């Protein structure tokens, strides 16, 4: 694999103490990052998410490894690559990892990284940009799914209004399957901040209205840049944002069903926009077709830190 094998307790060729207690200060830090107690830091757990974090070029602050990771060739290669990307590479036992892990069965790896710092213009990058705005989506798994859906459809950015879950918290990170590492995300935004941003950049506001909205199959989505405002089944879009929306849509449904999960609704609407763009031969937001199912390889994923 082009890398020397990693042995438990090895950092930079020197033996380090293996963490054997879940009360260790470094383990406490990992828990606190997961709970959102350290501003600017994000936790990723599991082989796939850690590979995604590296592929996205995140600045990795700390890595925790347990023997279970080193059993497979893929895991050993990941451990070796992670060692080269952080100055804080910690070993622990499978028993301690089991206690700190949020997974049903831990995979022997988790890391702490810095949350990407996005500029306002990053949210409207591309030739036909559009953003997804989550309003009152409190379930972190649903919110993470929205981030994943937005990236898959080619959105240029994602905004979570106050009252929604945080896109960089543990369950949302897992729900996004790593999309939050690449997708510009604005967390805890106020309606006033969002409206000011949209007005400054001439963004077309589109929201849902089950009573007065036009079918999303027929509705003219207006000119880019666009913002799709979607609320939870219970809360919906705040009144002030609804009042500023110039386009209102509804999703036709068979009675007696009256609403859909917000992730399902987002998928239908965003991919309808993408279908129209592709059919018209127009640019498709910030979407880039990337081969799927490719494992992380440090030689094919250059470090992109400092480019955003």
Protein backbone atom coordinates (compact mmCIF):
# COMPACT_ATOMS: atom_id res chain seq x y z
CA UNK A 1 0.00 0.00 0.00
CA UNK A 2 3.04 2.28 -0.04
CA UNK A 3 2.91 2.86 3.73
CA UNK A 4 4.69 1.32 6.70
CA UNK A 5 2.33 -0.60 9.00
CA UNK A 6 1.16 1.20 12.11
CA UNK A 7 1.60 -0.49 15.47
CA UNK A 8 -0.54 0.40 18.50
CA UNK A 9 1.19 3.00 20.65
CA UNK A 10 3.40 4.33 17.85
CA UNK A 11 3.55 8.03 16.98
CA UNK A 12 6.35 9.36 14.83
CA UNK A 13 8.38 6.21 15.52
CA UNK A 14 8.19 6.68 19.32
CA UNK A 15 6.13 4.63 21.74
CA UNK A 16 3.23 6.48 23.38
CA UNK A 17 1.02 5.28 26.25
CA UNK A 18 -2.10 3.46 25.13
CA UNK A 19 -5.25 5.04 26.61
CA UNK A 20 -6.84 2.41 28.81
CA UNK A 21 -9.45 4.47 30.67
CA UNK A 22 -12.62 6.10 29.36
CA UNK A 23 -12.02 8.84 31.95
CA UNK A 24 -8.86 10.00 30.18
CA UNK A 25 -8.81 13.74 29.39
CA UNK A 26 -8.45 13.14 25.65
CA UNK A 27 -11.48 10.83 25.66
CA UNK A 28 -13.39 13.55 27.50
CA UNK A 29 -12.44 16.00 24.75
CA UNK A 30 -13.84 13.70 22.08
CA UNK A 31 -17.12 13.43 23.95
CA UNK A 32 -17.31 17.21 24.33
CA UNK A 33 -16.70 17.78 20.63
CA UNK A 34 -19.47 15.32 19.82
CA UNK A 35 -21.79 17.30 22.11
CA UNK A 36 -20.87 20.58 20.41
CA UNK A 37 -19.04 22.06 23.40
CA UNK A 38 -15.99 23.14 21.37
CA UNK A 39 -16.76 25.80 18.78
CA UNK A 40 -15.17 25.19 15.40
CA UNK A 41 -14.51 21.48 15.88
CA UNK A 42 -16.27 18.48 14.38
CA UNK A 43 -16.09 14.78 15.18
CA UNK A 44 -16.12 12.00 12.58
CA UNK A 45 -16.35 8.33 13.49
CA UNK A 46 -16.00 5.21 11.39
CA UNK A 47 -13.85 4.25 8.43
CA UNK A 48 -16.01 5.82 5.72
CA UNK A 49 -16.53 9.16 7.48
CA UNK A 50 -12.84 9.46 8.34
CA UNK A 51 -11.96 8.74 4.71
CA UNK A 52 -14.46 11.39 3.64
CA UNK A 53 -12.93 13.91 6.05
CA UNK A 54 -9.47 13.29 4.63
CA UNK A 55 -10.70 13.42 1.06
CA UNK A 56 -12.34 16.78 1.76
CA UNK A 57 -9.03 18.14 3.06
CA UNK A 58 -10.22 18.93 6.57
CA UNK A 59 -7.61 20.06 9.07
CA UNK A 60 -7.37 17.09 11.44
CA UNK A 61 -6.64 17.98 15.05
CA UNK A 62 -6.69 14.58 16.73
CA UNK A 63 -7.13 10.91 15.87
CA UNK A 64 -8.12 8.00 18.11
CA UNK A 65 -7.35 4.47 16.92
CA UNK A 66 -8.24 1.06 18.40
CA UNK A 67 -6.84 -2.35 17.36
CA UNK A 68 -10.04 -3.30 15.50
CA UNK A 69 -9.19 -0.80 12.77
CA UNK A 70 -5.84 -2.43 12.03
CA UNK A 71 -7.29 -5.86 11.27
CA UNK A 72 -8.21 -5.00 7.67
CA UNK A 73 -5.91 -3.72 4.92
CA UNK A 74 -8.23 -0.78 4.35
CA UNK A 75 -8.19 0.12 8.04
CA UNK A 76 -4.41 -0.17 8.32
CA UNK A 77 -3.98 2.07 5.27
CA UNK A 78 -6.36 4.65 6.77
CA UNK A 79 -4.45 4.59 10.06
CA UNK A 80 -1.20 5.20 8.23
CA UNK A 81 -2.64 8.09 6.23
CA UNK A 82 -4.18 9.65 9.33
CA UNK A 83 -0.86 9.49 11.16
CA UNK A 84 0.63 11.67 8.45
CA UNK A 85 -2.12 14.27 8.79
CA UNK A 86 -2.08 15.02 12.53
CA UNK A 87 0.38 15.60 15.32
CA UNK A 88 -1.99 14.04 17.86
CA UNK A 89 -2.39 10.36 17.01
CA UNK A 90 -3.71 8.40 20.00
CA UNK A 91 -4.11 4.67 20.57
CA UNK A 92 -6.70 3.11 22.82
CA UNK A 93 -8.18 -0.29 23.53
CA UNK A 94 -11.25 -1.71 21.85
CA UNK A 95 -12.94 -1.65 25.26
CA UNK A 96 -12.45 2.10 25.68
CA UNK A 97 -13.45 2.77 22.06
CA UNK A 98 -16.63 0.80 22.70
CA UNK A 99 -17.50 3.13 25.57
CA UNK A 100 -16.88 6.36 23.67
CA UNK A 101 -18.32 5.24 20.33
CA UNK A 102 -21.77 6.34 19.17
CA UNK A 103 -22.00 3.41 16.76
CA UNK A 104 -23.70 0.10 17.52
CA UNK A 105 -20.39 -1.60 16.70
CA UNK A 106 -17.34 0.63 16.72
CA UNK A 107 -14.93 0.51 13.76
CA UNK A 108 -11.82 1.45 15.69
CA UNK A 109 -11.37 5.02 14.48
CA UNK A 110 -12.59 8.54 15.15
CA UNK A 111 -11.10 11.96 14.58
CA UNK A 112 -11.55 15.59 15.50
CA UNK A 113 -11.22 18.14 12.70
CA UNK A 114 -11.72 21.84 12.21
CA UNK A 115 -15.02 22.86 10.65
CA UNK A 116 -14.42 24.43 7.21
CA UNK A 117 -14.65 28.22 7.16
CA UNK A 118 -16.85 29.29 4.28
CA UNK A 119 -17.12 32.78 2.82
CA UNK A 120 -20.49 34.25 1.74
CA UNK A 121 -19.60 33.90 -1.94
CA UNK A 122 -19.00 30.17 -1.46
CA UNK A 123 -22.73 29.64 -0.98
CA UNK A 124 -23.50 30.97 -4.46
CA UNK A 125 -20.61 29.47 -6.39
CA UNK A 126 -21.12 28.04 -9.87
CA UNK A 127 -22.98 29.27 -12.93
CA UNK A 128 -26.50 28.36 -11.75
CA UNK A 129 -26.30 28.32 -7.94
CA UNK A 130 -29.09 27.39 -5.57
CA UNK A 131 -29.19 26.82 -1.83
CA UNK A 132 -31.41 24.74 0.42
CA UNK A 133 -32.71 26.36 3.61
CA UNK A 134 -33.90 24.13 6.47
CA UNK A 135 -36.50 25.72 8.73
CA UNK A 136 -37.23 24.11 12.08
CA UNK A 137 -35.79 20.72 11.15
CA UNK A 138 -34.89 19.56 14.65
CA UNK A 139 -34.05 15.92 13.99
CA UNK A 140 -30.28 15.78 13.31
CA UNK A 141 -30.60 12.68 11.14
CA UNK A 142 -33.17 14.40 8.93
CA UNK A 143 -31.02 17.51 8.75
CA UNK A 144 -27.98 15.48 7.74
CA UNK A 145 -30.07 13.80 5.08
CA UNK A 146 -31.01 17.23 3.73
CA UNK A 147 -27.33 18.18 3.43
CA UNK A 148 -26.67 14.94 1.55
CA UNK A 149 -29.66 15.50 -0.74
CA UNK A 150 -28.57 19.08 -1.43
CA UNK A 151 -25.07 18.00 -2.43
CA UNK A 152 -26.38 15.16 -4.59
CA UNK A 153 -28.69 17.53 -6.46
CA UNK A 154 -25.89 20.01 -7.10
CA UNK A 155 -26.77 22.71 -4.57
CA UNK A 156 -24.14 25.35 -3.91
CA UNK A 157 -24.91 25.74 -0.22
CA UNK A 158 -27.01 24.74 2.78
CA UNK A 159 -28.49 26.94 5.51
CA UNK A 160 -29.96 25.73 8.80
CA UNK A 161 -32.11 28.38 10.49
CA UNK A 162 -32.15 28.80 14.25
CA UNK A 163 -34.40 26.15 15.70
CA UNK A 164 -32.98 23.51 13.38
CA UNK A 165 -30.42 20.89 14.33
CA UNK A 166 -26.75 21.76 13.82
CA UNK A 167 -25.25 20.32 10.60
CA UNK A 168 -21.88 19.74 12.28
CA UNK A 169 -23.11 17.74 15.27
CA UNK A 170 -22.52 13.99 15.47
CA UNK A 171 -25.84 12.53 14.26
CA UNK A 172 -26.21 15.15 11.52
CA UNK A 173 -22.65 14.47 10.34
CA UNK A 174 -23.44 10.77 10.09
CA UNK A 175 -26.79 11.52 8.45
CA UNK A 176 -25.02 13.53 5.75
CA UNK A 177 -22.51 10.69 5.15
CA UNK A 178 -19.75 13.29 4.98
CA UNK A 179 -21.49 15.76 2.65
CA UNK A 180 -21.16 18.43 5.35
CA UNK A 181 -17.38 18.23 4.92
CA UNK A 182 -17.71 19.56 1.36
CA UNK A 183 -21.00 21.45 1.25
CA UNK A 184 -20.87 25.06 2.49
CA UNK A 185 -23.12 25.03 5.58
CA UNK A 186 -24.38 28.01 7.57
CA UNK A 187 -25.66 26.94 10.99
CA UNK A 188 -28.02 28.76 13.35
CA UNK A 189 -28.77 31.56 10.92
CA UNK A 190 -31.53 34.03 11.80
CA UNK A 191 -34.31 34.86 9.30
CA UNK A 192 -33.07 38.47 9.27
CA UNK A 193 -29.52 37.43 8.37
CA UNK A 194 -30.74 35.12 5.65
CA UNK A 195 -33.08 37.70 4.12
CA UNK A 196 -30.34 40.34 4.08
CA UNK A 197 -27.98 37.90 2.36
CA UNK A 198 -30.60 36.95 -0.24
CA UNK A 199 -31.54 40.57 -0.96
CA UNK A 200 -27.90 41.57 -1.37
CA UNK A 201 -27.29 38.83 -3.92
CA UNK A 202 -30.64 38.93 -5.75
CA UNK A 203 -31.69 35.42 -4.73
CA UNK A 204 -35.09 34.10 -5.85
CA UNK A 205 -36.99 32.71 -2.84
CA UNK A 206 -39.07 29.57 -3.35
CA UNK A 207 -41.12 27.96 -0.60
CA UNK A 208 -43.82 25.36 -0.13
CA UNK A 209 -47.51 26.14 0.25
CA UNK A 210 -49.85 23.15 0.27
CA UNK A 211 -52.92 25.37 -0.20
CA UNK A 212 -51.94 28.17 -2.59
CA UNK A 213 -48.80 26.77 -4.19
CA UNK A 214 -48.54 25.64 -7.80
CA UNK A 215 -47.54 22.06 -8.54
CA UNK A 216 -43.74 21.79 -8.56
CA UNK A 217 -44.05 19.98 -11.89
CA UNK A 218 -45.43 23.16 -13.47
CA UNK A 219 -44.05 26.01 -11.38
CA UNK A 220 -41.47 28.34 -12.93
CA UNK A 221 -38.61 28.32 -10.43
CA UNK A 222 -37.38 31.72 -11.59
CA UNK A 223 -33.82 32.79 -12.26
CA UNK A 224 -30.68 31.67 -10.46
CA UNK A 225 -29.49 32.13 -7.81
CA UNK A 226 -32.39 30.46 -6.01
CA UNK A 227 -33.16 29.47 -2.43
CA UNK A 228 -35.55 26.65 -1.59
CA UNK A 229 -37.12 27.12 1.85
CA UNK A 230 -38.37 23.88 3.36
CA UNK A 231 -39.78 23.41 6.86
CA UNK A 232 -40.47 20.48 9.10
CA UNK A 233 -43.85 18.79 8.93
CA UNK A 234 -44.79 20.37 12.25
CA UNK A 235 -43.28 23.87 12.11
CA UNK A 236 -43.03 24.92 8.51
CA UNK A 237 -41.31 28.02 7.10
CA UNK A 238 -41.31 31.17 9.31
CA UNK A 239 -43.93 33.76 8.32
CA UNK A 240 -41.39 36.46 7.49
CA UNK A 241 -39.59 34.21 5.02
CA UNK A 242 -42.88 33.05 3.47
CA UNK A 243 -43.88 36.66 2.91
CA UNK A 244 -40.69 37.34 0.96
CA UNK A 245 -40.98 34.24 -1.20
CA UNK A 246 -41.98 35.14 -4.76
CA UNK A 247 -42.55 31.52 -5.83
CA UNK A 248 -44.70 29.03 -3.94
CA UNK A 249 -44.99 25.36 -4.76
CA UNK A 250 -46.84 22.29 -3.62
CA UNK A 251 -46.16 18.60 -4.09
CA UNK A 252 -49.25 16.77 -5.42
CA UNK A 253 -50.10 13.85 -3.15
CA UNK A 254 -52.71 11.14 -3.07
CA UNK A 255 -55.34 11.67 -0.38
CA UNK A 256 -55.49 11.30 2.57
CA UNK A 257 -51.72 11.98 2.79
CA UNK A 258 -51.13 15.66 3.53
CA UNK A 259 -47.37 15.95 4.04
CA UNK A 260 -44.03 14.29 3.40
CA UNK A 261 -40.81 13.90 5.35
CA UNK A 262 -38.76 17.02 4.67
CA UNK A 263 -35.88 15.03 3.16
CA UNK A 264 -38.26 13.36 0.70
CA UNK A 265 -39.78 16.70 -0.23
CA UNK A 266 -36.35 18.25 -0.74
CA UNK A 267 -35.29 15.37 -2.98
CA UNK A 268 -38.34 15.72 -5.21
CA UNK A 269 -38.03 19.49 -5.61
CA UNK A 270 -34.26 19.80 -5.99
CA UNK A 271 -33.98 16.97 -8.48
CA UNK A 272 -36.84 18.48 -10.48
CA UNK A 273 -34.71 21.61 -10.81
CA UNK A 274 -31.72 19.48 -11.76
CA UNK A 275 -33.80 17.59 -14.35
CA UNK A 276 -34.83 20.86 -15.97
CA UNK A 277 -31.26 22.13 -16.02
CA UNK A 278 -29.97 18.96 -17.64
CA UNK A 279 -32.81 18.87 -20.16
CA UNK A 280 -32.13 22.47 -21.17
CA UNK A 281 -28.39 21.86 -21.35
CA UNK A 282 -27.83 24.48 -18.66
CA UNK A 283 -25.14 24.47 -15.97
CA UNK A 284 -26.25 22.43 -12.96
CA UNK A 285 -25.38 24.43 -9.86
CA UNK A 286 -22.19 23.42 -8.11
CA UNK A 287 -22.59 19.71 -8.91
CA UNK A 288 -19.53 17.76 -9.92
CA UNK A 289 -19.81 14.16 -11.04
CA UNK A 290 -17.42 12.13 -8.89
CA UNK A 291 -17.02 8.35 -9.19
CA UNK A 292 -18.69 6.57 -6.27
CA UNK A 293 -17.45 3.63 -4.26
CA UNK A 294 -13.81 4.76 -4.45
CA UNK A 295 -11.86 4.24 -1.24
CA UNK A 296 -9.63 6.98 0.08
CA UNK A 297 -6.10 6.98 -1.29
CA UNK A 298 -3.76 9.73 -0.13
CA UNK A 299 -2.01 9.76 -3.50
CA UNK A 300 -5.24 10.61 -5.34
CA UNK A 301 -6.66 13.06 -2.79
CA UNK A 302 -4.26 16.00 -2.46
CA UNK A 303 -4.50 18.09 0.65
CA UNK A 304 -6.80 21.01 -0.14
CA UNK A 305 -6.52 22.78 3.18
CA UNK A 306 -6.21 26.53 2.87
CA UNK A 307 -7.96 26.68 -0.52
CA UNK A 308 -11.33 27.75 0.77
